[in-house]
C-alpha atoms as a PDB file:
ATOM      1  CA  MET A   1      -0.133   0.037  -0.160  1.00  0.00           C
ATOM      2  CA  SER A   2       1.518   3.367  -1.320  1.00  0.00           C
ATOM      3  CA  ASP A   3       1.171   6.488   1.180  1.00  0.00           C
ATOM      4  CA  THR A   4      -1.600   7.928  -0.546  1.00  0.00           C
ATOM      5  CA  GLY A   5      -3.636   5.021   0.372  1.00  0.00           C
ATOM      6  CA  GLU A   6      -3.151   3.219  -3.334  1.00  0.00           C
ATOM      7  CA  GLU A   7      -2.550   0.101  -4.063  1.00  0.00           C
ATOM      8  CA  PRO A   8       1.048  -0.038  -5.819  1.00  0.00           C
ATOM      9  CA  ALA A   9       1.330  -0.728  -9.626  1.00  0.00           C
ATOM     10  CA  ILE A  10       2.220  -3.927 -10.390  1.00  0.00           C
ATOM     11  CA  ASP A  11       4.652  -4.143 -13.578  1.00  0.00           C
ATOM     12  CA  LEU A  12       3.199  -6.910 -15.908  1.00  0.00           C
ATOM     13  CA  PRO A  13       4.865  -6.613 -19.288  1.00  0.00           C
ATOM     14  CA  LEU A  14       3.814  -9.313 -21.034  1.00  0.00           C
ATOM     15  CA  ALA A  15      -0.153  -8.530 -19.942  1.00  0.00           C
ATOM     16  CA  GLY A  16      -2.131  -9.536 -22.739  1.00  0.00           C
ATOM     17  CA  TYR A  17       0.115 -11.746 -24.799  1.00  0.00           C
ATOM     18  CA  THR A  18       0.265 -15.217 -25.228  1.00  0.00           C
ATOM     19  CA  VAL A  19       4.109 -17.211 -25.095  1.00  0.00           C
ATOM     20  CA  ALA A  20       4.168 -20.253 -25.642  1.00  0.00           C
ATOM     21  CA  VAL A  21       6.790 -23.109 -23.494  1.00  0.00           C
ATOM     22  CA  THR A  22       8.220 -25.953 -25.724  1.00  0.00           C
ATOM     23  CA  ALA A  23      10.397 -27.074 -22.984  1.00  0.00           C
ATOM     24  CA  ALA A  24      10.340 -30.771 -21.386  1.00  0.00           C
ATOM     25  CA  ARG A  25      12.133 -30.179 -18.454  1.00  0.00           C
ATOM     26  CA  ARG A  26      11.833 -27.421 -15.872  1.00  0.00           C
ATOM     27  CA  LYS A  27       8.596 -26.322 -17.877  1.00  0.00           C
ATOM     28  CA  GLU A  28       6.767 -25.536 -14.936  1.00  0.00           C
ATOM     29  CA  GLU A  29       9.354 -23.236 -13.962  1.00  0.00           C
ATOM     30  CA  LEU A  30       9.903 -20.935 -16.826  1.00  0.00           C
ATOM     31  CA  GLY A  31       5.840 -21.011 -17.296  1.00  0.00           C
ATOM     32  CA  ALA A  32       5.751 -19.698 -13.482  1.00  0.00           C
ATOM     33  CA  LEU A  33       8.316 -16.524 -14.267  1.00  0.00           C
ATOM     34  CA  LEU A  34       6.454 -15.758 -17.269  1.00  0.00           C
ATOM     35  CA  ASP A  35       2.949 -15.884 -15.576  1.00  0.00           C
ATOM     36  CA  ARG A  36       4.239 -13.410 -13.143  1.00  0.00           C
ATOM     37  CA  ARG A  37       5.120 -10.920 -15.751  1.00  0.00           C
ATOM     38  CA  GLY A  38       1.430 -11.183 -17.357  1.00  0.00           C
ATOM     39  CA  ALA A  39       1.620 -13.630 -20.028  1.00  0.00           C
ATOM     40  CA  ARG A  40      -0.841 -16.210 -21.090  1.00  0.00           C
ATOM     41  CA  VAL A  41       1.419 -19.052 -21.119  1.00  0.00           C
ATOM     42  CA  VAL A  42       0.934 -22.131 -23.094  1.00  0.00           C
ATOM     43  CA  TYR A  43       2.297 -25.501 -22.617  1.00  0.00           C
ATOM     44  CA  ALA A  44       3.712 -27.430 -26.164  1.00  0.00           C
ATOM     45  CA  PRO A  45       6.194 -29.912 -25.164  1.00  0.00           C
ATOM     46  CA  ALA A  46       8.611 -30.342 -28.112  1.00  0.00           C
ATOM     47  CA  ILE A  47      10.691 -33.164 -27.120  1.00  0.00           C
ATOM     48  CA  ARG A  48      11.038 -35.749 -24.020  1.00  0.00           C
ATOM     49  CA  ILE A  49      13.661 -37.222 -22.148  1.00  0.00           C
ATOM     50  CA  VAL A  50      14.502 -40.928 -21.793  1.00  0.00           C
ATOM     51  CA  PRO A  51      15.343 -41.283 -18.285  1.00  0.00           C
ATOM     52  CA  LEU A  52      19.291 -41.596 -17.596  1.00  0.00           C
ATOM     53  CA  ALA A  53      18.793 -44.727 -15.497  1.00  0.00           C
ATOM     54  CA  ASP A  54      16.789 -46.804 -17.845  1.00  0.00           C
ATOM     55  CA  ASP A  55      19.016 -45.855 -20.969  1.00  0.00           C
ATOM     56  CA  SER A  56      21.216 -48.751 -22.348  1.00  0.00           C
ATOM     57  CA  GLU A  57      23.482 -46.235 -24.493  1.00  0.00           C
ATOM     58  CA  LEU A  58      24.547 -44.533 -21.806  1.00  0.00           C
ATOM     59  CA  LEU A  59      25.352 -47.603 -19.652  1.00  0.00           C
ATOM     60  CA  ALA A  60      27.186 -49.196 -22.719  1.00  0.00           C
ATOM     61  CA  ALA A  61      29.086 -46.028 -23.500  1.00  0.00           C
ATOM     62  CA  THR A  62      30.152 -45.558 -19.892  1.00  0.00           C
ATOM     63  CA  GLY A  63      31.440 -48.969 -20.104  1.00  0.00           C
ATOM     64  CA  ARG A  64      33.357 -48.125 -22.844  1.00  0.00           C
ATOM     65  CA  VAL A  65      35.017 -45.010 -21.069  1.00  0.00           C
ATOM     66  CA  LEU A  66      35.606 -47.628 -18.016  1.00  0.00           C
ATOM     67  CA  THR A  67      37.815 -49.963 -20.156  1.00  0.00           C
ATOM     68  CA  ALA A  68      40.910 -47.804 -20.000  1.00  0.00           C
ATOM     69  CA  PRO A  69      42.035 -44.597 -18.659  1.00  0.00           C
ATOM     70  CA  VAL A  70      40.695 -41.714 -20.360  1.00  0.00           C
ATOM     71  CA  ASP A  71      42.875 -38.282 -21.144  1.00  0.00           C
ATOM     72  CA  LEU A  72      40.861 -36.044 -21.300  1.00  0.00           C
ATOM     73  CA  VAL A  73      36.706 -35.043 -20.578  1.00  0.00           C
ATOM     74  CA  VAL A  74      34.386 -32.301 -22.208  1.00  0.00           C
ATOM     75  CA  ALA A  75      31.338 -31.422 -19.640  1.00  0.00           C
ATOM     76  CA  THR A  76      28.941 -29.881 -21.351  1.00  0.00           C
ATOM     77  CA  THR A  77      25.850 -29.204 -19.545  1.00  0.00           C
ATOM     78  CA  ALA A  78      25.201 -29.671 -15.519  1.00  0.00           C
ATOM     79  CA  VAL A  79      22.339 -31.431 -15.664  1.00  0.00           C
ATOM     80  CA  GLY A  80      24.186 -34.165 -18.161  1.00  0.00           C
ATOM     81  CA  PHE A  81      27.021 -34.253 -16.336  1.00  0.00           C
ATOM     82  CA  ARG A  82      25.641 -34.847 -13.047  1.00  0.00           C
ATOM     83  CA  GLY A  83      22.979 -36.945 -14.248  1.00  0.00           C
ATOM     84  CA  TRP A  84      25.728 -39.230 -15.943  1.00  0.00           C
ATOM     85  CA  LEU A  85      27.967 -39.877 -12.697  1.00  0.00           C
ATOM     86  CA  GLU A  86      24.627 -40.044 -10.762  1.00  0.00           C
ATOM     87  CA  ALA A  87      23.653 -42.894 -12.948  1.00  0.00           C
ATOM     88  CA  ALA A  88      26.869 -44.432 -12.959  1.00  0.00           C
ATOM     89  CA  ASP A  89      26.732 -44.526  -9.319  1.00  0.00           C
ATOM     90  CA  ALA A  90      23.374 -46.176  -9.498  1.00  0.00           C
ATOM     91  CA  TRP A  91      24.758 -48.891 -11.763  1.00  0.00           C
ATOM     92  CA  ASP A  92      27.703 -49.533  -8.958  1.00  0.00           C
ATOM     93  CA  LEU A  93      30.112 -48.329 -11.339  1.00  0.00           C
ATOM     94  CA  PRO A  94      33.624 -46.590 -10.488  1.00  0.00           C
ATOM     95  CA  LEU A  95      33.277 -43.336 -12.647  1.00  0.00           C
ATOM     96  CA  VAL A  96      34.369 -40.591 -10.161  1.00  0.00           C
ATOM     97  CA  GLN A  97      37.500 -42.400  -9.314  1.00  0.00           C
ATOM     98  CA  HIS A  98      37.901 -43.384 -12.916  1.00  0.00           C
ATOM     99  CA  LEU A  99      37.818 -39.909 -14.086  1.00  0.00           C
ATOM    100  CA  SER A 100      40.238 -38.635 -11.364  1.00  0.00           C
ATOM    101  CA  GLY A 101      43.189 -38.547 -13.114  1.00  0.00           C
ATOM    102  CA  SER A 102      41.698 -37.030 -16.492  1.00  0.00           C
ATOM    103  CA  ARG A 103      42.133 -33.567 -17.533  1.00  0.00           C
ATOM    104  CA  VAL A 104      38.158 -32.056 -17.275  1.00  0.00           C
ATOM    105  CA  LEU A 105      37.085 -29.141 -19.474  1.00  0.00           C
ATOM    106  CA  ALA A 106      34.057 -27.638 -18.541  1.00  0.00           C
ATOM    107  CA  ARG A 107      32.310 -25.630 -21.430  1.00  0.00           C
ATOM    108  CA  GLY A 108      30.136 -23.101 -18.918  1.00  0.00           C
ATOM    109  CA  PRO A 109      30.007 -22.162 -15.448  1.00  0.00           C
ATOM    110  CA  LYS A 110      26.902 -24.341 -14.506  1.00  0.00           C
ATOM    111  CA  ALA A 111      28.654 -27.370 -15.851  1.00  0.00           C
ATOM    112  CA  ARG A 112      32.248 -26.520 -14.108  1.00  0.00           C
ATOM    113  CA  GLY A 113      30.021 -26.403 -10.685  1.00  0.00           C
ATOM    114  CA  ALA A 114      28.963 -29.872 -11.276  1.00  0.00           C
ATOM    115  CA  VAL A 115      32.603 -31.064 -12.370  1.00  0.00           C
ATOM    116  CA  ARG A 116      33.454 -29.460  -8.722  1.00  0.00           C
ATOM    117  CA  SER A 117      30.512 -30.477  -6.783  1.00  0.00           C
ATOM    118  CA  ALA A 118      31.651 -34.502  -8.099  1.00  0.00           C
ATOM    119  CA  GLY A 119      34.969 -33.669  -6.033  1.00  0.00           C
ATOM    120  CA  LEU A 120      36.674 -33.497  -9.492  1.00  0.00           C
ATOM    121  CA  VAL A 121      39.250 -30.682 -10.735  1.00  0.00           C
ATOM    122  CA  ASP A 122      37.970 -28.497 -13.648  1.00  0.00           C
ATOM    123  CA  ALA A 123      41.096 -27.817 -16.080  1.00  0.00           C
ATOM    124  CA  TRP A 124      39.951 -25.118 -18.560  1.00  0.00           C
ATOM    125  CA  SER A 125      37.028 -23.436 -19.532  1.00  0.00           C
ATOM    126  CA  PRO A 126      35.878 -21.370 -22.079  1.00  0.00           C
ATOM    127  CA  GLU A 127      34.998 -17.753 -22.151  1.00  0.00           C
ATOM    128  CA  SER A 128      32.446 -18.311 -25.327  1.00  0.00           C
ATOM    129  CA  GLU A 129      31.197 -20.735 -23.069  1.00  0.00           C
ATOM    130  CA  SER A 130      30.409 -22.834 -26.636  1.00  0.00           C
ATOM    131  CA  SER A 131      31.624 -26.349 -27.760  1.00  0.00           C
ATOM    132  CA  ALA A 132      33.329 -24.140 -30.926  1.00  0.00           C
ATOM    133  CA  GLY A 133      35.447 -22.750 -28.132  1.00  0.00           C
ATOM    134  CA  VAL A 134      36.554 -26.165 -27.009  1.00  0.00           C
ATOM    135  CA  LEU A 135      37.313 -27.422 -29.682  1.00  0.00           C
ATOM    136  CA  GLU A 136      39.600 -24.340 -30.722  1.00  0.00           C
ATOM    137  CA  HIS A 137      41.240 -25.141 -27.042  1.00  0.00           C
ATOM    138  CA  LEU A 138      42.144 -28.496 -27.829  1.00  0.00           C
ATOM    139  CA  LEU A 139      43.303 -28.057 -31.380  1.00  0.00           C
ATOM    140  CA  SER A 140      45.221 -25.277 -30.261  1.00  0.00           C
ATOM    141  CA  GLY A 141      48.082 -27.724 -28.725  1.00  0.00           C
ATOM    142  CA  THR A 142      47.256 -26.304 -25.533  1.00  0.00           C
ATOM    143  CA  GLU A 143      46.343 -29.338 -23.704  1.00  0.00           C
ATOM    144  CA  GLY A 144      48.767 -31.529 -25.697  1.00  0.00           C
ATOM    145  CA  PRO A 145      48.735 -33.309 -29.289  1.00  0.00           C
ATOM    146  CA  LEU A 146      45.288 -35.616 -29.213  1.00  0.00           C
ATOM    147  CA  GLU A 147      46.803 -38.143 -31.446  1.00  0.00           C
ATOM    148  CA  GLY A 148      46.022 -41.649 -29.671  1.00  0.00           C
ATOM    149  CA  ARG A 149      44.685 -39.609 -26.740  1.00  0.00           C
ATOM    150  CA  ARG A 150      41.357 -40.780 -24.896  1.00  0.00           C
ATOM    151  CA  VAL A 151      38.698 -38.027 -25.173  1.00  0.00           C
ATOM    152  CA  ALA A 152      35.309 -38.559 -23.259  1.00  0.00           C
ATOM    153  CA  VAL A 153      32.798 -36.273 -24.171  1.00  0.00           C
ATOM    154  CA  GLN A 154      29.684 -35.598 -22.723  1.00  0.00           C
ATOM    155  CA  LEU A 155      26.093 -35.144 -25.070  1.00  0.00           C
ATOM    156  CA  HIS A 156      23.366 -33.239 -24.363  1.00  0.00           C
ATOM    157  CA  GLY A 157      21.000 -34.241 -26.202  1.00  0.00           C
ATOM    158  CA  ASP A 158      22.750 -32.709 -29.354  1.00  0.00           C
ATOM    159  CA  PRO A 159      25.507 -35.180 -31.474  1.00  0.00           C
ATOM    160  CA  LEU A 160      27.832 -32.225 -31.588  1.00  0.00           C
ATOM    161  CA  ARG A 161      29.097 -33.599 -34.827  1.00  0.00           C
ATOM    162  CA  GLU A 162      31.433 -30.785 -34.988  1.00  0.00           C
ATOM    163  CA  LEU A 163      33.182 -31.301 -31.849  1.00  0.00           C
ATOM    164  CA  VAL A 164      33.375 -34.934 -32.171  1.00  0.00           C
ATOM    165  CA  ALA A 165      34.829 -35.060 -36.196  1.00  0.00           C
ATOM    166  CA  GLY A 166      37.177 -31.615 -34.893  1.00  0.00           C
ATOM    167  CA  LEU A 167      38.779 -34.253 -32.547  1.00  0.00           C
ATOM    168  CA  ARG A 168      38.783 -37.643 -34.555  1.00  0.00           C
ATOM    169  CA  ASP A 169      40.467 -35.960 -37.334  1.00  0.00           C
ATOM    170  CA  ALA A 170      43.380 -34.631 -35.120  1.00  0.00           C
ATOM    171  CA  GLY A 171      43.755 -38.280 -34.314  1.00  0.00           C
ATOM    172  CA  ALA A 172      41.811 -38.423 -30.544  1.00  0.00           C
ATOM    173  CA  GLU A 173      39.777 -41.621 -29.708  1.00  0.00           C
ATOM    174  CA  VAL A 174      36.543 -40.184 -28.881  1.00  0.00           C
ATOM    175  CA  LEU A 175      34.254 -41.598 -26.317  1.00  0.00           C
ATOM    176  CA  PRO A 176      30.517 -39.772 -27.061  1.00  0.00           C
ATOM    177  CA  VAL A 177      28.462 -39.948 -24.014  1.00  0.00           C
ATOM    178  CA  PRO A 178      24.825 -39.477 -25.083  1.00  0.00           C
ATOM    179  CA  VAL A 179      23.949 -38.668 -21.110  1.00  0.00           C
ATOM    180  CA  TYR A 180      20.259 -37.731 -22.367  1.00  0.00           C
ATOM    181  CA  ARG A 181      18.535 -38.544 -25.144  1.00  0.00           C
ATOM    182  CA  TRP A 182      15.664 -36.217 -27.224  1.00  0.00           C
ATOM    183  CA  LEU A 183      12.495 -37.755 -28.478  1.00  0.00           C
ATOM    184  CA  PRO A 184       9.453 -36.460 -29.701  1.00  0.00           C
ATOM    185  CA  PRO A 185       6.774 -36.145 -27.435  1.00  0.00           C
ATOM    186  CA  GLU A 186       4.540 -39.123 -26.539  1.00  0.00           C
ATOM    187  CA  ASP A 187       1.370 -36.916 -27.110  1.00  0.00           C
ATOM    188  CA  VAL A 188       2.009 -34.813 -30.322  1.00  0.00           C
ATOM    189  CA  ALA A 189      -1.348 -32.706 -30.264  1.00  0.00           C
ATOM    190  CA  PRO A 190      -0.227 -30.103 -28.427  1.00  0.00           C
ATOM    191  CA  LEU A 191       3.047 -29.486 -30.782  1.00  0.00           C
ATOM    192  CA  HIS A 192       0.690 -29.821 -33.696  1.00  0.00           C
ATOM    193  CA  ARG A 193      -1.672 -27.511 -32.099  1.00  0.00           C
ATOM    194  CA  LEU A 194       1.244 -24.624 -31.970  1.00  0.00           C
ATOM    195  CA  VAL A 195       2.378 -25.032 -35.101  1.00  0.00           C
ATOM    196  CA  GLY A 196      -1.229 -24.039 -36.609  1.00  0.00           C
ATOM    197  CA  MET A 197      -0.936 -21.135 -33.654  1.00  0.00           C
ATOM    198  CA  VAL A 198       1.944 -19.836 -34.802  1.00  0.00           C
ATOM    199  CA  VAL A 199       0.873 -19.894 -38.591  1.00  0.00           C
ATOM    200  CA  ALA A 200      -2.375 -18.222 -37.686  1.00  0.00           C
ATOM    201  CA  GLY A 201      -0.347 -15.376 -35.523  1.00  0.00           C
ATOM    202  CA  GLU A 202      -2.064 -16.575 -32.255  1.00  0.00           C
ATOM    203  CA  VAL A 203       0.668 -16.574 -29.793  1.00  0.00           C
ATOM    204  CA  ASP A 204       2.770 -13.667 -29.592  1.00  0.00           C
ATOM    205  CA  ALA A 205       6.565 -15.315 -28.673  1.00  0.00           C
ATOM    206  CA  VAL A 206       7.390 -19.067 -28.556  1.00  0.00           C
ATOM    207  CA  THR A 207      10.456 -19.921 -25.987  1.00  0.00           C
ATOM    208  CA  PHE A 208      13.283 -22.243 -26.634  1.00  0.00           C
ATOM    209  CA  THR A 209      15.435 -24.221 -24.155  1.00  0.00           C
ATOM    210  CA  SER A 210      17.076 -26.499 -26.184  1.00  0.00           C
ATOM    211  CA  ALA A 211      18.097 -27.044 -29.773  1.00  0.00           C
ATOM    212  CA  PRO A 212      16.748 -30.411 -29.984  1.00  0.00           C
ATOM    213  CA  ALA A 213      12.953 -28.467 -29.126  1.00  0.00           C
ATOM    214  CA  ALA A 214      13.479 -26.259 -32.085  1.00  0.00           C
ATOM    215  CA  ALA A 215      14.239 -28.404 -34.471  1.00  0.00           C
ATOM    216  CA  SER A 216      11.274 -30.677 -33.389  1.00  0.00           C
ATOM    217  CA  LEU A 217       8.915 -27.685 -34.082  1.00  0.00           C
ATOM    218  CA  LEU A 218      10.228 -27.244 -37.536  1.00  0.00           C
ATOM    219  CA  ARG A 219      10.039 -30.843 -38.253  1.00  0.00           C
ATOM    220  CA  THR A 220       6.877 -31.127 -36.862  1.00  0.00           C
ATOM    221  CA  ALA A 221       5.999 -28.094 -39.318  1.00  0.00           C
ATOM    222  CA  GLU A 222       7.088 -29.830 -42.135  1.00  0.00           C
ATOM    223  CA  ASP A 223       5.665 -33.082 -41.541  1.00  0.00           C
ATOM    224  CA  LEU A 224       2.398 -31.188 -41.545  1.00  0.00           C
ATOM    225  CA  GLY A 225       3.256 -29.032 -44.635  1.00  0.00           C
ATOM    226  CA  GLN A 226       3.409 -26.352 -42.655  1.00  0.00           C
ATOM    227  CA  ARG A 227       7.080 -25.168 -42.491  1.00  0.00           C
ATOM    228  CA  ALA A 228       7.071 -22.403 -44.936  1.00  0.00           C
ATOM    229  CA  ALA A 229       4.126 -20.483 -43.303  1.00  0.00           C
ATOM    230  CA  LEU A 230       5.969 -21.085 -40.065  1.00  0.00           C
ATOM    231  CA  VAL A 231       9.123 -19.637 -41.166  1.00  0.00           C
ATOM    232  CA  ALA A 232       7.008 -16.758 -41.819  1.00  0.00           C
ATOM    233  CA  ALA A 233       5.540 -16.158 -39.118  1.00  0.00           C
ATOM    234  CA  PHE A 234       8.240 -16.170 -37.049  1.00  0.00           C
ATOM    235  CA  ASP A 235       9.829 -13.118 -39.506  1.00  0.00           C
ATOM    236  CA  GLY A 236       6.762 -11.032 -39.911  1.00  0.00           C
ATOM    237  CA  ARG A 237       4.333 -11.565 -36.719  1.00  0.00           C
ATOM    238  CA  VAL A 238       5.671 -14.081 -33.867  1.00  0.00           C
ATOM    239  CA  LEU A 239       8.902 -13.505 -31.455  1.00  0.00           C
ATOM    240  CA  ALA A 240      11.433 -16.772 -31.213  1.00  0.00           C
ATOM    241  CA  VAL A 241      12.959 -16.559 -28.090  1.00  0.00           C
ATOM    242  CA  ALA A 242      16.122 -18.733 -27.636  1.00  0.00           C
ATOM    243  CA  VAL A 243      17.858 -19.271 -24.036  1.00  0.00           C
ATOM    244  CA  GLY A 244      21.236 -19.159 -25.923  1.00  0.00           C
ATOM    245  CA  THR A 245      23.339 -19.285 -29.474  1.00  0.00           C
ATOM    246  CA  VAL A 246      23.560 -23.199 -29.374  1.00  0.00           C
ATOM    247  CA  THR A 247      19.619 -23.348 -28.527  1.00  0.00           C
ATOM    248  CA  GLY A 248      18.842 -20.952 -31.548  1.00  0.00           C
ATOM    249  CA  GLY A 249      20.930 -22.912 -33.585  1.00  0.00           C
ATOM    250  CA  PRO A 250      18.203 -24.841 -35.561  1.00  0.00           C
ATOM    251  CA  LEU A 251      16.537 -21.562 -36.125  1.00  0.00           C
ATOM    252  CA  GLU A 252      19.441 -19.676 -37.542  1.00  0.00           C
ATOM    253  CA  ALA A 253      19.775 -22.538 -39.777  1.00  0.00           C
ATOM    254  CA  ALA A 254      16.555 -22.271 -40.579  1.00  0.00           C
ATOM    255  CA  GLY A 255      16.099 -18.599 -41.579  1.00  0.00           C
ATOM    256  CA  ILE A 256      14.521 -17.435 -38.199  1.00  0.00           C
ATOM    257  CA  PRO A 257      16.019 -14.644 -36.373  1.00  0.00           C
ATOM    258  CA  TYR A 258      15.363 -14.813 -32.716  1.00  0.00           C
ATOM    259  CA  ALA A 259      16.132 -12.946 -29.409  1.00  0.00           C
ATOM    260  CA  HIS A 260      18.341 -14.354 -26.514  1.00  0.00           C
ATOM    261  CA  PRO A 261      19.819 -13.336 -23.281  1.00  0.00           C
ATOM    262  CA  GLU A 262      23.090 -12.645 -22.511  1.00  0.00           C
ATOM    263  CA  ARG A 263      23.239 -15.327 -19.696  1.00  0.00           C
ATOM    264  CA  GLY A 264      21.798 -18.312 -20.703  1.00  0.00           C
ATOM    265  CA  ARG A 265      19.321 -19.010 -17.909  1.00  0.00           C
ATOM    266  CA  LEU A 266      15.387 -19.254 -17.469  1.00  0.00           C
ATOM    267  CA  GLY A 267      14.858 -15.803 -15.744  1.00  0.00           C
ATOM    268  CA  PRO A 268      16.796 -13.976 -18.189  1.00  0.00           C
ATOM    269  CA  LEU A 269      15.499 -15.792 -20.793  1.00  0.00           C
ATOM    270  CA  ALA A 270      11.563 -14.769 -19.411  1.00  0.00           C
ATOM    271  CA  VAL A 271      12.807 -11.282 -19.008  1.00  0.00           C
ATOM    272  CA  ARG A 272      14.092 -11.312 -22.508  1.00  0.00           C
ATOM    273  CA  SER A 273      10.665 -12.623 -23.851  1.00  0.00           C
ATOM    274  CA  SER A 274       9.213  -9.244 -21.982  1.00  0.00           C
ATOM    275  CA  ARG A 275      11.167  -6.900 -23.796  1.00  0.00           C
ATOM    276  CA  GLY A 276      10.578  -8.500 -27.351  1.00  0.00           C
ATOM    277  CA  CYS A 277       6.730  -8.155 -26.312  1.00  0.00           C
ATOM    278  CA  PRO A 278       6.557  -4.651 -25.124  1.00  0.00           C
ATOM    279  CA  ALA A 279       2.610  -4.228 -23.818  1.00  0.00           C
ATOM    280  CA  GLY A 280       0.587  -2.071 -26.402  1.00  0.00           C
ATOM    281  CA  THR A 281       2.953  -1.900 -29.260  1.00  0.00           C
ATOM    282  CA  ARG A 282       3.699  -4.629 -31.975  1.00  0.00           C
ATOM    283  CA  CYS A 283       6.768  -2.597 -32.974  1.00  0.00           C
ATOM    284  CA  CYS A 284       5.702  -1.792 -36.998  1.00  0.00           C
ATOM    285  CA  GLY A 285       4.228  -5.221 -36.783  1.00  0.00           C
ATOM    286  CA  SER A 286       7.238  -7.112 -36.282  1.00  0.00           C
ATOM    287  CA  VAL A 287      10.011  -6.371 -33.623  1.00  0.00           C
ATOM    288  CA  ARG A 288      12.518  -8.303 -36.251  1.00  0.00           C
ATOM    289  CA  THR A 289      11.409  -7.006 -39.778  1.00  0.00           C
ATOM    290  CA  PRO A 290      13.942  -3.773 -39.741  1.00  0.00           C
ATOM    291  CA  SER A 291      13.032  -3.549 -43.610  1.00  0.00           C
ATOM    292  CA  ARG A 292       9.816  -2.143 -42.817  1.00  0.00           C
ATOM    293  CA  CYS A 293      10.611   1.076 -41.121  1.00  0.00           C
ATOM    294  CA  ALA A 294      14.693   1.163 -41.725  1.00  0.00           C
ATOM    295  CA  ALA A 295      16.393   2.782 -44.326  1.00  0.00           C
ATOM    296  CA  THR A 296      18.919  -0.336 -45.031  1.00  0.00           C
ATOM    297  CA  PRO A 297      17.561  -3.739 -43.812  1.00  0.00           C
ATOM    298  CA  PRO A 298      20.276  -5.585 -42.157  1.00  0.00           C
ATOM    299  CA  SER A 299      22.288  -8.224 -43.836  1.00  0.00           C
ATOM    300  CA  SER A 300      21.376 -11.976 -43.817  1.00  0.00           C
ATOM    301  CA  THR A 301      23.822 -12.829 -40.899  1.00  0.00           C
ATOM    302  CA  GLY A 302      23.192  -9.615 -39.126  1.00  0.00           C
ATOM    303  CA  THR A 303      22.436 -10.117 -35.169  1.00  0.00           C
ATOM    304  CA  TRP A 304      20.660  -6.666 -34.526  1.00  0.00           C
ATOM    305  CA  TRP A 305      17.524  -8.734 -32.905  1.00  0.00           C
ATOM    306  CA  ASN A 306      19.619  -9.314 -30.029  1.00  0.00           C
ATOM    307  CA  SER A 307      21.210  -6.084 -29.644  1.00  0.00           C
ATOM    308  CA  PRO A 308      19.178  -4.006 -26.549  1.00  0.00           C
ATOM    309  CA  PRO A 309      15.788  -3.152 -27.136  1.00  0.00           C
ATOM    310  CA  ASP A 310      16.720   0.607 -27.482  1.00  0.00           C
ATOM    311  CA  ARG A 311      18.949  -0.298 -30.681  1.00  0.00           C
ATOM    312  CA  TRP A 312      15.956  -1.812 -32.461  1.00  0.00           C
ATOM    313  CA  PRO A 313      14.724   0.442 -35.429  1.00  0.00           C
ATOM    314  CA  CYS A 314      11.045  -0.382 -34.997  1.00  0.00           C
ATOM    315  CA  CYS A 315      10.880   0.002 -31.302  1.00  0.00           C
ATOM    316  CA  ALA A 316      10.926   4.041 -30.280  1.00  0.00           C
ATOM    317  CA  SER A 317       7.854   3.646 -28.627  1.00  0.00           C
ATOM    318  CA  TRP A 318       9.898   1.877 -25.729  1.00  0.00           C
ATOM    319  CA  PRO A 319      11.181   3.428 -23.047  1.00  0.00           C
ATOM    320  CA  GLY A 320      14.511   4.613 -23.473  1.00  0.00           C
ATOM    321  CA  SER A 321      14.194   4.264 -27.231  1.00  0.00           C
ATOM    322  CA  PRO A 322      15.359   7.434 -29.832  1.00  0.00           C
ATOM    323  CA  ALA A 323      12.389   9.550 -30.781  1.00  0.00           C
ATOM    324  CA  GLY A 324      11.587   9.133 -34.224  1.00  0.00           C
ATOM    325  CA  SER A 325      12.957   5.695 -35.169  1.00  0.00           C
ATOM    326  CA  SER A 326       9.264   3.917 -35.454  1.00  0.00           C
ATOM    327  CA  PRO A 327       5.834   4.864 -36.903  1.00  0.00           C
ATOM    328  CA  GLY A 328       4.624   4.230 -33.567  1.00  0.00           C
ATOM    329  CA  PRO A 329       2.365   1.172 -32.519  1.00  0.00           C
ATOM    330  CA  THR A 330       0.742  -0.529 -35.031  1.00  0.00           C
ATOM    331  CA  SER A 331      -2.006  -2.973 -33.338  1.00  0.00           C
ATOM    332  CA  ALA A 332      -3.035  -3.581 -29.718  1.00  0.00           C
ATOM    333  CA  PRO A 333      -1.833  -6.721 -28.003  1.00  0.00           C
ATOM    334  CA  ARG A 334      -3.695  -9.660 -28.585  1.00  0.00           C
ATOM    335  CA  GLY A 335      -5.000 -12.402 -25.935  1.00  0.00           C
ATOM    336  CA  PRO A 336      -6.897 -11.730 -22.584  1.00  0.00           C
ATOM    337  CA  ALA A 337      -4.801  -9.152 -19.705  1.00  0.00           C
ATOM    338  CA  ALA A 338      -4.711 -12.044 -17.660  1.00  0.00           C
ATOM    339  CA  THR A 339      -2.045 -14.005 -15.496  1.00  0.00           C
ATOM    340  CA  ALA A 340      -3.624 -17.555 -15.483  1.00  0.00           C
ATOM    341  CA  THR A 341      -1.409 -20.165 -17.495  1.00  0.00           C
ATOM    342  CA  SER A 342      -3.115 -22.697 -19.331  1.00  0.00           C
ATOM    343  CA  SER A 343      -2.339 -25.494 -21.703  1.00  0.00           C
ATOM    344  CA  ILE A 344      -2.865 -25.965 -25.545  1.00  0.00           C
ATOM    345  CA  ARG A 345      -6.448 -27.518 -25.447  1.00  0.00           C
ATOM    346  CA  ARG A 346      -8.775 -28.764 -28.128  1.00  0.00           C
END
């Protein structure tokens, strides 16, 4: 309650907007973050995860790792690396002890934390938090020659073909470890409906927390004969938001511009979604189509949509944006200004 006796204003930047969540893991957490910002949330899991302890492929890969000492280990994700160790422990396999003499490289800070919490020593991490950065480091010779060395690579639902192929080309014996695998959702109806909603412009933004989820949505649209329409919708009416550039890879490959937070976490992802969907304005109909309101459209490789909003050419109506750079709002926000979440239903 304020001094004037009035209730303080609640900041709901996504009030009146509909945001889709394609995540399989932690979808409720992301949905709650969006809900608190006023969004109507629709859930359409694009993938499902094979449980670690039930995964025969992981057991077989772990057995290969244990057959001989491992020179280098690449930990790509915290949940994956931790899950691998926990699964090995459930199988009564001495994986942590086996890796204690290895050089462990962590792709990012969360993976590094998982390595340390297991009692292992992380030797190095790339500033880019990318698999490409890990490969560049290993090929530089900093860790010594790769010829004949055993390198275990913890996968995270993506086969990491470039990393694995690069190491093999350098002569390393690469041991891919598929810690968790992505499969299509058991119930594909919500995903089918999401494709239709995107094409019809019935959602304002779609969030992605993994590259397989983005690839699955595109593949589903293709199966339905709607891929071209889906891509066009993302380039005109609907905002794609990825948790990071790795997640956005399939979108970029399909020619879909996307926004992403500077830090690959769910909280910043929700905030980035809020910045992409300002209440009361549609930014020339699309926050990602500068050719509609900018004198010079960006090149196909440009990443202007990843810049702060005040640098986007269509958003003069946003706080802090330069005056006169946009013709202003073109339509009112769609959807009820509600905070309740909902699933996609028939």
